Protein backbone atom coordinates (compact mmCIF):
# COMPACT_ATOMS: atom_id res chain seq x y z
CA MET A 1 106.59 129.14 71.57
CA LEU A 2 105.31 125.63 70.95
CA ILE A 3 104.89 124.19 74.43
CA GLU A 4 105.69 120.63 73.34
CA ASN A 5 109.11 121.77 72.08
CA LEU A 6 110.11 123.74 75.18
CA THR A 7 112.19 122.59 78.13
CA SER A 8 110.90 123.40 81.61
CA ASP A 9 113.44 126.23 81.88
CA GLU A 10 112.35 127.67 78.52
CA PHE A 11 108.73 127.54 79.64
CA LEU A 12 109.55 129.50 82.80
CA ASP A 13 111.50 132.02 80.76
CA GLY A 14 108.53 132.42 78.43
CA LEU A 15 106.27 133.27 81.36
CA LYS A 16 108.41 136.35 81.98
CA ARG A 17 107.38 137.67 78.55
CA THR A 18 103.77 136.56 78.17
CA ARG A 19 100.85 134.99 80.00
CA THR A 20 98.90 134.29 76.81
CA VAL A 21 98.38 130.88 75.20
CA LEU A 22 96.63 129.86 72.00
CA ILE A 23 94.99 126.42 72.11
CA PRO A 24 94.21 124.93 68.66
CA PHE A 25 91.28 122.51 68.56
CA GLY A 26 90.47 120.59 65.40
CA ALA A 27 89.01 117.26 64.36
CA THR A 28 89.82 114.08 62.52
CA GLU A 29 87.02 113.70 60.00
CA GLY A 30 86.27 112.99 56.36
CA HIS A 31 86.93 115.87 53.96
CA GLY A 32 85.89 114.36 50.64
CA SER A 33 88.24 112.19 48.65
CA HIS A 34 90.81 114.96 48.18
CA LEU A 35 91.65 116.47 51.60
CA PRO A 36 93.29 114.81 54.62
CA LEU A 37 91.29 113.85 57.69
CA GLY A 38 93.29 116.33 59.78
CA THR A 39 92.41 119.39 57.68
CA ASP A 40 90.60 121.27 60.47
CA SER A 41 93.44 120.68 62.91
CA PHE A 42 96.14 121.74 60.43
CA GLN A 43 94.40 125.05 59.74
CA ALA A 44 94.03 125.93 63.43
CA MET A 45 97.63 124.90 64.17
CA ASP A 46 99.04 126.98 61.34
CA VAL A 47 97.41 130.29 62.24
CA CYS A 48 98.16 129.85 65.95
CA ARG A 49 101.83 129.26 65.20
CA ILE A 50 102.06 132.29 62.88
CA VAL A 51 100.47 134.65 65.40
CA ALA A 52 102.49 133.21 68.27
CA GLN A 53 105.72 133.67 66.36
CA GLN A 54 104.85 137.27 65.57
CA ARG A 55 103.95 138.11 69.16
CA GLY A 56 106.01 135.70 71.25
CA LEU A 57 103.05 133.76 72.65
CA PHE A 58 102.63 130.19 73.84
CA VAL A 59 100.86 127.61 71.68
CA ALA A 60 99.50 124.50 73.39
CA PRO A 61 99.77 121.12 71.67
CA PRO A 62 96.89 120.74 69.18
CA ILE A 63 93.83 118.61 69.86
CA PHE A 64 93.06 116.47 66.81
CA TYR A 65 89.71 115.18 68.11
CA GLY A 66 86.31 116.87 68.10
CA VAL A 67 82.58 116.29 68.12
CA CYS A 68 81.65 115.31 64.55
CA ARG A 69 77.92 114.77 64.27
CA SER A 70 77.02 115.18 60.59
CA SER A 71 80.31 113.67 59.39
CA ALA A 72 80.36 110.78 61.87
CA GLN A 73 79.82 108.09 59.21
CA LEU A 74 82.33 109.44 56.69
CA PRO A 75 85.31 107.06 56.33
CA GLY A 76 88.08 107.86 58.79
CA THR A 77 86.11 110.18 61.06
CA ILE A 78 86.96 109.82 64.76
CA THR A 79 84.33 111.60 66.83
CA ILE A 80 84.27 112.05 70.59
CA ARG A 81 81.43 112.79 73.01
CA THR A 82 80.61 116.32 74.11
CA GLU A 83 81.42 115.25 77.66
CA THR A 84 84.89 114.19 76.54
CA LEU A 85 85.56 117.43 74.69
CA LYS A 86 84.37 119.56 77.58
CA ALA A 87 86.54 117.61 80.01
CA LEU A 88 89.57 118.07 77.73
CA VAL A 89 89.06 121.84 77.58
CA MET A 90 88.50 122.10 81.33
CA ASP A 91 91.55 120.01 82.19
CA ILE A 92 93.93 121.63 79.67
CA VAL A 93 93.03 125.22 80.55
CA THR A 94 93.07 124.50 84.29
CA ALA A 95 96.52 122.89 84.03
CA LEU A 96 97.89 125.82 82.01
CA TYR A 97 96.37 128.26 84.50
CA HIS A 98 98.16 126.55 87.38
CA GLN A 99 101.38 126.79 85.34
CA GLY A 100 100.99 130.57 85.34
CA LEU A 101 99.09 131.40 82.16
CA ARG A 102 96.14 133.79 82.33
CA ASN A 103 94.93 134.64 78.80
CA PHE A 104 93.44 131.72 76.86
CA ILE A 105 92.26 131.72 73.26
CA ILE A 106 90.55 128.49 72.28
CA LEU A 107 90.63 128.42 68.48
CA SER A 108 88.63 125.77 66.65
CA GLY A 109 89.40 124.79 63.09
CA HIS A 110 86.32 122.55 63.17
CA ALA A 111 83.07 124.44 62.54
CA GLY A 112 80.60 121.86 63.89
CA GLY A 113 77.81 123.56 65.83
CA ILE A 114 77.65 121.08 68.73
CA HIS A 115 81.45 120.98 68.91
CA ASN A 116 81.74 124.74 69.25
CA ALA A 117 78.81 125.03 71.65
CA THR A 118 80.70 122.56 73.86
CA LEU A 119 83.87 124.68 73.71
CA GLN A 120 81.78 127.73 74.65
CA ASP A 121 80.16 125.87 77.56
CA ALA A 122 83.55 124.79 78.87
CA GLY A 123 84.81 128.37 78.62
CA GLU A 124 81.88 129.67 80.65
CA CYS A 125 82.53 127.08 83.36
CA LEU A 126 86.23 127.98 83.43
CA LEU A 127 85.43 131.66 83.92
CA GLN A 128 83.64 130.77 87.13
CA ALA A 129 86.37 128.41 88.32
CA LEU A 130 89.51 130.44 87.51
CA GLU A 131 89.29 133.91 89.00
CA GLU A 132 92.08 135.59 87.01
CA ALA A 133 91.49 133.88 83.67
CA ARG A 134 90.53 135.76 80.51
CA ILE A 135 89.03 133.41 77.91
CA ALA A 136 88.02 133.73 74.27
CA VAL A 137 86.41 130.96 72.21
CA VAL A 138 86.35 131.39 68.44
CA THR A 139 86.30 129.42 65.21
CA GLU A 140 88.47 129.99 62.18
CA TYR A 141 85.28 130.43 60.17
CA ASP A 142 84.18 133.32 62.42
CA LEU A 143 87.58 135.00 62.14
CA ALA A 144 87.42 135.01 58.33
CA ALA A 145 83.70 135.74 57.96
CA GLY A 146 82.80 139.13 56.57
CA GLU A 147 86.30 140.22 55.63
CA GLY A 148 86.78 137.22 53.34
CA GLN A 149 83.43 137.38 51.58
CA GLY A 150 84.85 138.91 48.40
CA LEU A 151 87.31 136.04 48.00
CA VAL A 152 84.84 133.16 48.17
CA GLU A 153 82.70 132.47 45.11
CA THR A 154 80.63 129.57 46.48
CA PRO A 155 77.49 130.51 48.46
CA GLY A 156 77.18 128.34 51.55
CA ASP A 157 80.68 126.87 51.24
CA ALA A 158 81.38 125.15 54.54
CA HIS A 159 83.39 121.90 54.46
CA ALA A 160 86.11 120.55 52.14
CA GLY A 161 84.94 122.99 49.49
CA GLU A 162 86.39 126.17 48.08
CA ILE A 163 87.66 127.61 51.37
CA GLU A 164 89.30 124.58 52.95
CA THR A 165 90.70 123.27 49.69
CA SER A 166 92.25 126.67 49.02
CA ARG A 167 93.79 126.70 52.50
CA MET A 168 95.30 123.27 52.03
CA LEU A 169 96.58 124.07 48.54
CA ALA A 170 98.38 127.06 50.07
CA THR A 171 99.95 125.25 53.03
CA ARG A 172 100.01 121.48 52.38
CA ALA A 173 99.58 121.00 48.66
CA ASP A 174 101.29 117.61 48.89
CA LEU A 175 98.33 116.32 50.93
CA VAL A 176 95.68 117.43 48.41
CA LYS A 177 94.70 114.48 46.18
CA GLY A 178 92.92 115.96 43.19
CA LEU A 179 89.48 117.53 43.65
CA SER A 180 86.20 116.03 44.80
CA PRO A 181 83.03 117.07 42.94
CA ALA A 182 80.91 119.89 44.32
CA GLU A 183 78.31 118.74 46.85
CA PHE A 184 75.62 120.38 48.95
CA PRO A 185 74.08 117.96 51.47
CA SER A 186 70.33 117.76 51.91
CA PHE A 187 69.76 117.01 55.59
CA PRO A 188 66.10 117.46 56.63
CA ARG A 189 65.47 120.58 58.70
CA HIS A 190 65.04 119.89 62.43
CA ILE A 191 64.78 116.10 61.94
CA LEU A 192 67.56 113.88 63.28
CA VAL A 193 68.60 111.00 61.04
CA ARG A 194 70.47 107.78 61.77
CA ASN A 195 71.93 107.07 58.33
CA LYS A 196 73.77 110.36 57.83
CA SER A 197 75.83 109.07 54.92
CA SER A 198 72.64 108.81 52.83
CA TYR A 199 72.27 112.58 53.07
CA TRP A 200 75.99 113.41 52.85
CA PRO A 201 77.77 110.68 50.86
CA GLY A 202 80.76 112.61 49.52
CA GLY A 203 81.96 114.56 52.56
CA VAL A 204 82.04 117.91 50.73
CA TRP A 205 79.88 120.96 51.48
CA GLY A 206 80.76 123.43 48.74
CA ASP A 207 82.76 123.47 45.52
CA PRO A 208 86.44 122.43 45.62
CA GLY A 209 86.71 123.27 41.92
CA LYS A 210 86.75 126.99 42.72
CA ALA A 211 89.73 126.64 45.07
CA SER A 212 93.22 128.06 44.52
CA ALA A 213 96.42 128.40 46.51
CA GLU A 214 96.28 132.17 46.07
CA LYS A 215 92.85 132.31 47.69
CA GLY A 216 94.12 130.09 50.47
CA ARG A 217 97.02 132.40 51.26
CA LYS A 218 94.72 135.43 51.34
CA ILE A 219 92.16 133.71 53.57
CA GLU A 220 94.85 132.51 55.96
CA GLN A 221 96.27 136.03 56.18
CA LEU A 222 92.81 137.38 57.05
CA VAL A 223 92.46 134.80 59.82
CA VAL A 224 95.94 135.63 61.15
CA GLU A 225 95.23 139.36 61.20
CA THR A 226 91.87 138.92 62.93
CA LEU A 227 93.32 136.51 65.49
CA ASP A 228 96.13 138.97 66.19
CA ARG A 229 93.54 141.69 66.94
CA LEU A 230 91.67 139.30 69.22
CA VAL A 231 94.86 138.65 71.20
CA THR A 232 95.30 142.40 71.72
CA ALA A 233 91.67 142.78 72.79
CA LEU A 234 91.83 139.86 75.23
CA GLU A 235 95.10 140.92 76.84
CA GLY A 236 93.70 144.41 77.46
CA PHE A 237 90.23 143.30 78.45
CA VAL A 238 88.88 144.55 81.80
CA GLU A 239 85.45 143.23 82.69
CA LYS A 240 82.87 145.73 83.94
């Protein structure tokens, strides 16, 4: 059930069947010269909608903005502050809680470390504020890790490379504009830099040339299956 498509009556009817909502968070950021800026958001939206359809769950409207530190200077990137992201999570989950929902899965299609630490921080604060809430915070990358290792040929593939290009070829091939060259950025360890584009000019972290639609379908299915298991675990979770 996509919340933005429901009437108020349909929303109330949905609450009789489930108290679980999936909340897709993504980003608008450069993904090389071949993938759309909304790639992270599209991936999170797609798997949430598949799982929700299978199980009859709510899906909140997607958030297309995230904290994009390393990619901030790539053309088209729209980054927000950690304070803004945390406030968004707090406000959205609190509003859904007051509408009757109790189980919240915050799924990020954007794998940025600061971004996801902010989602985690917001989740911890919400646990203290909302007595009956169950909350999970997870990235798409975490859901596919381990089980998808045999599918991915590129060591260290992380952004607009083999994995994400495969996903987009499988679901939105019309938005894929050729292939960018392989790239592995060389940011200095532990040292913050101002001119990030000097260290990451192409916006790719991996090898798009090893991508295929078939891989994309298999990776998406792994994410869907793992997310489905997480829903079951969260709905049955009783804290000690």
